[in-house]
Amino acid sequence: MAQIMKLHRARELDFDREMVEQAYDRWAPIYDLVFGGVFSKGREAAIQATNELGGRVLEVGVGTGISLPLYAPNVRIFGTDISEEMLKKASRRVVAQRLNNVEGLAVMDAEKLEFADNSFDVVMAQYVVTAVPHPEVALDEFARVLRPGGELIILTRVSADAGMRRFIERQLQPVVCRLGFRTAEFSWSRYAKWLAGAKGVELVERRLIPPLGHFSLVRFRKTEIAAAA
């Protein structure tokens, strides 16, 4: 068992910030072409939920800005990403489409957000949690910058707990890590464990999103209790 745990920690350490940054710099020129259609259903569902809430939104992992035109005009957005090349494309999109509700774009680590506590009404993270070295640290940061009563909305991969799908995901992991994300290690129990330890955060919704039900839209709310803690 100790040997297994040691191997698990080694894999976590191998998946570092520099690897992710370099991977998404490489993805930047073709990201919209490769993933634009594949992730469209999830993107639309997440943006719809955000638009219904309104206010000031932080989109972590904004990438090429493919989501930005979908936000309602009254929603104010700040976008961050680890990849400077991705953000260059996002900046061009903002200018070309005159997206005046975008407050700014900045290179930023999801695990070290450069914002004060309680800064945003909504924190949005699409396909980000499985692409950071320390997912729970990132989730804590998302909750920190969220105001009480606001929502954290994530689109995320939820891996299998058992069976053939779990076996396949584990076999694929060494390959996809080099592409900037992971297939295994993200069963719902991991999210549930984080939620159980997060003060003042409650689950609002969890639903499957195409393609193939491998992804979920998950919504958490930061309660008023969190402000007093």
Protein backbone atom coordinates (compact mmCIF):
# COMPACT_ATOMS: atom_id res chain seq x y z
CA MET A 1 0.00 0.00 0.00
CA ALA A 2 2.82 2.41 0.88
CA GLN A 3 4.36 1.81 -2.53
CA ILE A 4 1.05 2.58 -4.24
CA MET A 5 0.66 5.83 -2.28
CA LYS A 6 4.24 6.82 -3.14
CA LEU A 7 3.53 6.25 -6.85
CA HIS A 8 0.32 8.29 -6.61
CA ARG A 9 2.19 11.24 -5.05
CA ALA A 10 4.88 11.03 -7.71
CA ARG A 11 2.26 11.28 -10.45
CA GLU A 12 0.70 14.32 -8.75
CA LEU A 13 4.11 16.04 -8.55
CA ASP A 14 4.88 15.23 -12.18
CA PHE A 15 1.79 17.20 -13.18
CA ASP A 16 3.10 20.68 -12.44
CA ARG A 17 2.31 24.26 -13.35
CA GLU A 18 4.98 24.49 -16.04
CA MET A 19 3.71 21.37 -17.78
CA VAL A 20 0.16 22.75 -17.88
CA GLU A 21 1.29 26.17 -19.09
CA GLN A 22 3.37 24.70 -21.91
CA ALA A 23 0.61 22.30 -22.92
CA TYR A 24 -1.98 25.03 -23.29
CA ASP A 25 0.42 27.34 -25.07
CA ARG A 26 0.68 24.56 -27.65
CA TRP A 27 -3.10 24.11 -27.76
CA ALA A 28 -3.78 27.82 -28.31
CA PRO A 29 -3.69 27.92 -32.15
CA ILE A 30 -6.11 25.00 -32.56
CA TYR A 31 -8.06 24.91 -29.29
CA ASP A 32 -11.30 26.34 -30.68
CA LEU A 33 -11.22 23.99 -33.64
CA VAL A 34 -10.54 20.88 -31.54
CA PHE A 35 -12.68 21.58 -28.48
CA GLY A 36 -15.15 24.25 -29.55
CA GLY A 37 -17.86 21.87 -30.71
CA VAL A 38 -17.06 19.02 -28.31
CA PHE A 39 -17.59 21.14 -25.21
CA SER A 40 -20.34 23.42 -26.56
CA LYS A 41 -23.23 21.84 -24.62
CA GLY A 42 -21.43 22.16 -21.32
CA ARG A 43 -20.28 25.67 -22.09
CA GLU A 44 -23.82 26.80 -22.93
CA ALA A 45 -25.24 25.24 -19.75
CA ALA A 46 -22.61 26.88 -17.56
CA ILE A 47 -23.04 30.30 -19.16
CA GLN A 48 -26.83 30.08 -18.89
CA ALA A 49 -26.56 29.41 -15.16
CA THR A 50 -24.12 32.31 -14.79
CA ASN A 51 -26.30 34.74 -16.74
CA GLU A 52 -29.26 33.91 -14.52
CA LEU A 53 -27.22 34.88 -11.47
CA GLY A 54 -25.65 37.99 -13.01
CA GLY A 55 -23.23 40.34 -11.28
CA ARG A 56 -19.45 40.25 -11.44
CA VAL A 57 -17.97 37.00 -12.79
CA LEU A 58 -14.50 35.52 -12.62
CA GLU A 59 -13.84 32.96 -15.33
CA VAL A 60 -10.80 30.92 -14.35
CA GLY A 61 -9.25 29.17 -17.33
CA VAL A 62 -10.86 31.53 -19.80
CA GLY A 63 -8.52 30.20 -22.50
CA THR A 64 -9.09 31.70 -25.93
CA GLY A 65 -12.19 33.51 -24.67
CA ILE A 66 -14.56 31.20 -26.52
CA SER A 67 -17.17 31.67 -23.78
CA LEU A 68 -16.96 35.45 -23.57
CA PRO A 69 -19.50 36.33 -26.31
CA LEU A 70 -22.11 34.10 -24.61
CA TYR A 71 -22.33 36.16 -21.43
CA ALA A 72 -25.25 38.57 -21.08
CA PRO A 73 -24.28 42.22 -21.68
CA ASN A 74 -25.10 43.16 -18.07
CA VAL A 75 -22.66 40.57 -16.68
CA ARG A 76 -19.18 41.90 -15.92
CA ILE A 77 -16.38 39.41 -16.53
CA PHE A 78 -12.75 39.11 -15.57
CA GLY A 79 -10.88 36.22 -17.20
CA THR A 80 -7.70 34.50 -16.06
CA ASP A 81 -5.60 31.73 -17.57
CA ILE A 82 -2.22 30.10 -17.03
CA SER A 83 -1.38 30.38 -20.75
CA GLU A 84 -0.29 33.70 -22.18
CA GLU A 85 -0.80 32.40 -25.71
CA MET A 86 -4.40 31.51 -24.92
CA LEU A 87 -5.01 34.98 -23.50
CA LYS A 88 -3.60 36.65 -26.60
CA LYS A 89 -6.39 35.01 -28.61
CA ALA A 90 -8.93 35.99 -25.95
CA SER A 91 -7.78 39.61 -26.11
CA ARG A 92 -8.19 39.69 -29.89
CA ARG A 93 -11.68 38.23 -29.51
CA VAL A 94 -12.65 40.91 -27.00
CA VAL A 95 -11.54 43.67 -29.36
CA ALA A 96 -12.98 42.14 -32.53
CA GLN A 97 -16.40 41.47 -30.99
CA ARG A 98 -16.46 44.66 -28.88
CA LEU A 99 -17.12 42.83 -25.66
CA ASN A 100 -17.34 45.87 -23.42
CA ASN A 101 -18.49 43.85 -20.42
CA VAL A 102 -15.08 42.17 -20.14
CA GLU A 103 -13.28 44.04 -17.35
CA GLY A 104 -9.90 42.47 -17.97
CA LEU A 105 -7.80 39.42 -18.77
CA ALA A 106 -4.70 38.32 -16.88
CA VAL A 107 -2.21 35.49 -16.69
CA MET A 108 -2.82 33.93 -13.29
CA ASP A 109 -2.38 30.67 -11.42
CA ALA A 110 -5.73 29.12 -10.44
CA GLU A 111 -4.16 28.06 -7.15
CA LYS A 112 -3.01 31.62 -6.32
CA LEU A 113 -5.69 34.04 -7.45
CA GLU A 114 -4.63 37.69 -7.12
CA PHE A 115 -7.96 38.98 -5.87
CA ALA A 116 -9.27 40.00 -2.48
CA ASP A 117 -11.71 37.80 -0.57
CA ASN A 118 -15.38 38.07 -1.59
CA SER A 119 -14.63 39.81 -4.91
CA PHE A 120 -17.05 38.04 -7.26
CA ASP A 121 -20.71 37.06 -7.48
CA VAL A 122 -19.87 34.01 -9.61
CA VAL A 123 -16.68 32.05 -10.13
CA MET A 124 -16.74 29.98 -13.30
CA ALA A 125 -14.20 27.25 -14.08
CA GLN A 126 -14.72 25.17 -17.20
CA TYR A 127 -12.64 21.99 -17.43
CA VAL A 128 -10.07 23.50 -15.08
CA VAL A 129 -10.16 21.37 -11.92
CA THR A 130 -8.62 18.33 -13.62
CA ALA A 131 -5.96 20.52 -15.25
CA VAL A 132 -4.31 22.00 -12.15
CA PRO A 133 -1.63 20.29 -10.04
CA HIS A 134 -3.53 20.65 -6.75
CA PRO A 135 -7.30 20.68 -7.40
CA GLU A 136 -8.40 21.15 -3.79
CA VAL A 137 -6.15 24.21 -3.44
CA ALA A 138 -7.77 25.71 -6.53
CA LEU A 139 -11.27 24.97 -5.24
CA ASP A 140 -10.38 26.68 -1.95
CA GLU A 141 -9.20 29.73 -3.90
CA PHE A 142 -12.40 29.81 -5.94
CA ALA A 143 -14.44 29.79 -2.73
CA ARG A 144 -12.25 32.45 -1.12
CA VAL A 145 -12.79 35.07 -3.82
CA LEU A 146 -16.52 34.33 -4.02
CA ARG A 147 -18.83 36.59 -2.05
CA PRO A 148 -21.30 35.05 0.44
CA GLY A 149 -24.43 34.08 -1.45
CA GLY A 150 -22.50 33.73 -4.71
CA GLU A 151 -21.97 30.56 -6.70
CA LEU A 152 -19.02 28.54 -7.89
CA ILE A 153 -19.91 26.90 -11.20
CA ILE A 154 -17.60 24.25 -12.57
CA LEU A 155 -17.64 22.03 -15.60
CA THR A 156 -15.53 19.05 -14.72
CA ARG A 157 -14.68 15.51 -15.57
CA VAL A 158 -15.99 12.97 -13.07
CA SER A 159 -14.09 9.71 -13.41
CA ALA A 160 -15.41 6.25 -12.68
CA ASP A 161 -15.08 4.65 -9.25
CA ALA A 162 -14.74 1.12 -10.64
CA GLY A 163 -15.08 -1.10 -13.69
CA MET A 164 -13.68 -1.02 -17.20
CA ARG A 165 -13.99 2.75 -17.57
CA ARG A 166 -11.83 3.29 -14.48
CA PHE A 167 -9.23 0.87 -15.87
CA ILE A 168 -9.14 2.69 -19.22
CA GLU A 169 -8.88 6.10 -17.55
CA ARG A 170 -5.91 4.99 -15.49
CA GLN A 171 -4.17 3.56 -18.53
CA LEU A 172 -4.66 6.81 -20.45
CA GLN A 173 -3.50 9.11 -17.67
CA PRO A 174 0.26 9.13 -18.43
CA VAL A 175 -0.51 10.10 -22.03
CA VAL A 176 -3.10 12.84 -21.42
CA CYS A 177 -1.05 14.44 -18.64
CA ARG A 178 1.31 15.64 -21.36
CA LEU A 179 -1.69 17.24 -23.07
CA GLY A 180 -2.52 19.30 -19.98
CA PHE A 181 -5.26 17.35 -18.19
CA ARG A 182 -6.00 14.09 -16.40
CA THR A 183 -8.50 11.29 -16.91
CA ALA A 184 -8.37 9.48 -13.57
CA GLU A 185 -8.29 10.49 -9.86
CA PHE A 186 -11.47 12.55 -10.09
CA SER A 187 -14.37 10.38 -8.97
CA TRP A 188 -17.25 12.21 -7.30
CA SER A 189 -15.97 11.06 -3.89
CA ARG A 190 -13.03 13.45 -4.28
CA TYR A 191 -15.30 16.43 -4.81
CA ALA A 192 -17.56 15.28 -1.97
CA LYS A 193 -14.57 15.07 0.37
CA TRP A 194 -13.54 18.62 -0.52
CA LEU A 195 -17.09 19.85 0.05
CA ALA A 196 -17.27 18.15 3.46
CA GLY A 197 -14.15 20.03 4.56
CA ALA A 198 -15.02 23.40 3.01
CA LYS A 199 -16.54 25.79 5.53
CA GLY A 200 -19.64 27.60 4.37
CA VAL A 201 -20.00 25.90 0.98
CA GLU A 202 -23.04 23.85 -0.07
CA LEU A 203 -23.93 21.83 -3.17
CA VAL A 204 -26.66 23.41 -5.30
CA GLU A 205 -26.72 21.20 -8.40
CA ARG A 206 -24.91 18.36 -10.09
CA ARG A 207 -25.92 17.13 -13.53
CA LEU A 208 -24.38 15.17 -16.37
CA ILE A 209 -23.30 17.05 -19.48
CA PRO A 210 -22.57 15.67 -22.98
CA PRO A 211 -20.48 14.20 -24.47
CA LEU A 212 -21.07 10.67 -23.15
CA GLY A 213 -21.84 11.72 -19.59
CA HIS A 214 -18.16 11.87 -18.61
CA PHE A 215 -18.53 15.51 -17.56
CA SER A 216 -20.75 17.23 -15.02
CA LEU A 217 -22.00 20.73 -14.35
CA VAL A 218 -21.58 21.30 -10.62
CA ARG A 219 -22.78 24.34 -8.72
CA PHE A 220 -21.74 25.27 -5.19
CA ARG A 221 -23.03 28.19 -3.13
CA LYS A 222 -21.01 30.11 -0.55
CA THR A 223 -23.33 30.57 2.40
CA GLU A 224 -23.73 33.62 4.62
CA ILE A 225 -22.21 31.56 7.45
CA ALA A 226 -18.90 31.65 5.60
CA ALA A 227 -18.70 35.44 6.00
CA ALA A 228 -18.97 35.22 9.77
CA ALA A 229 -16.48 32.37 10.13
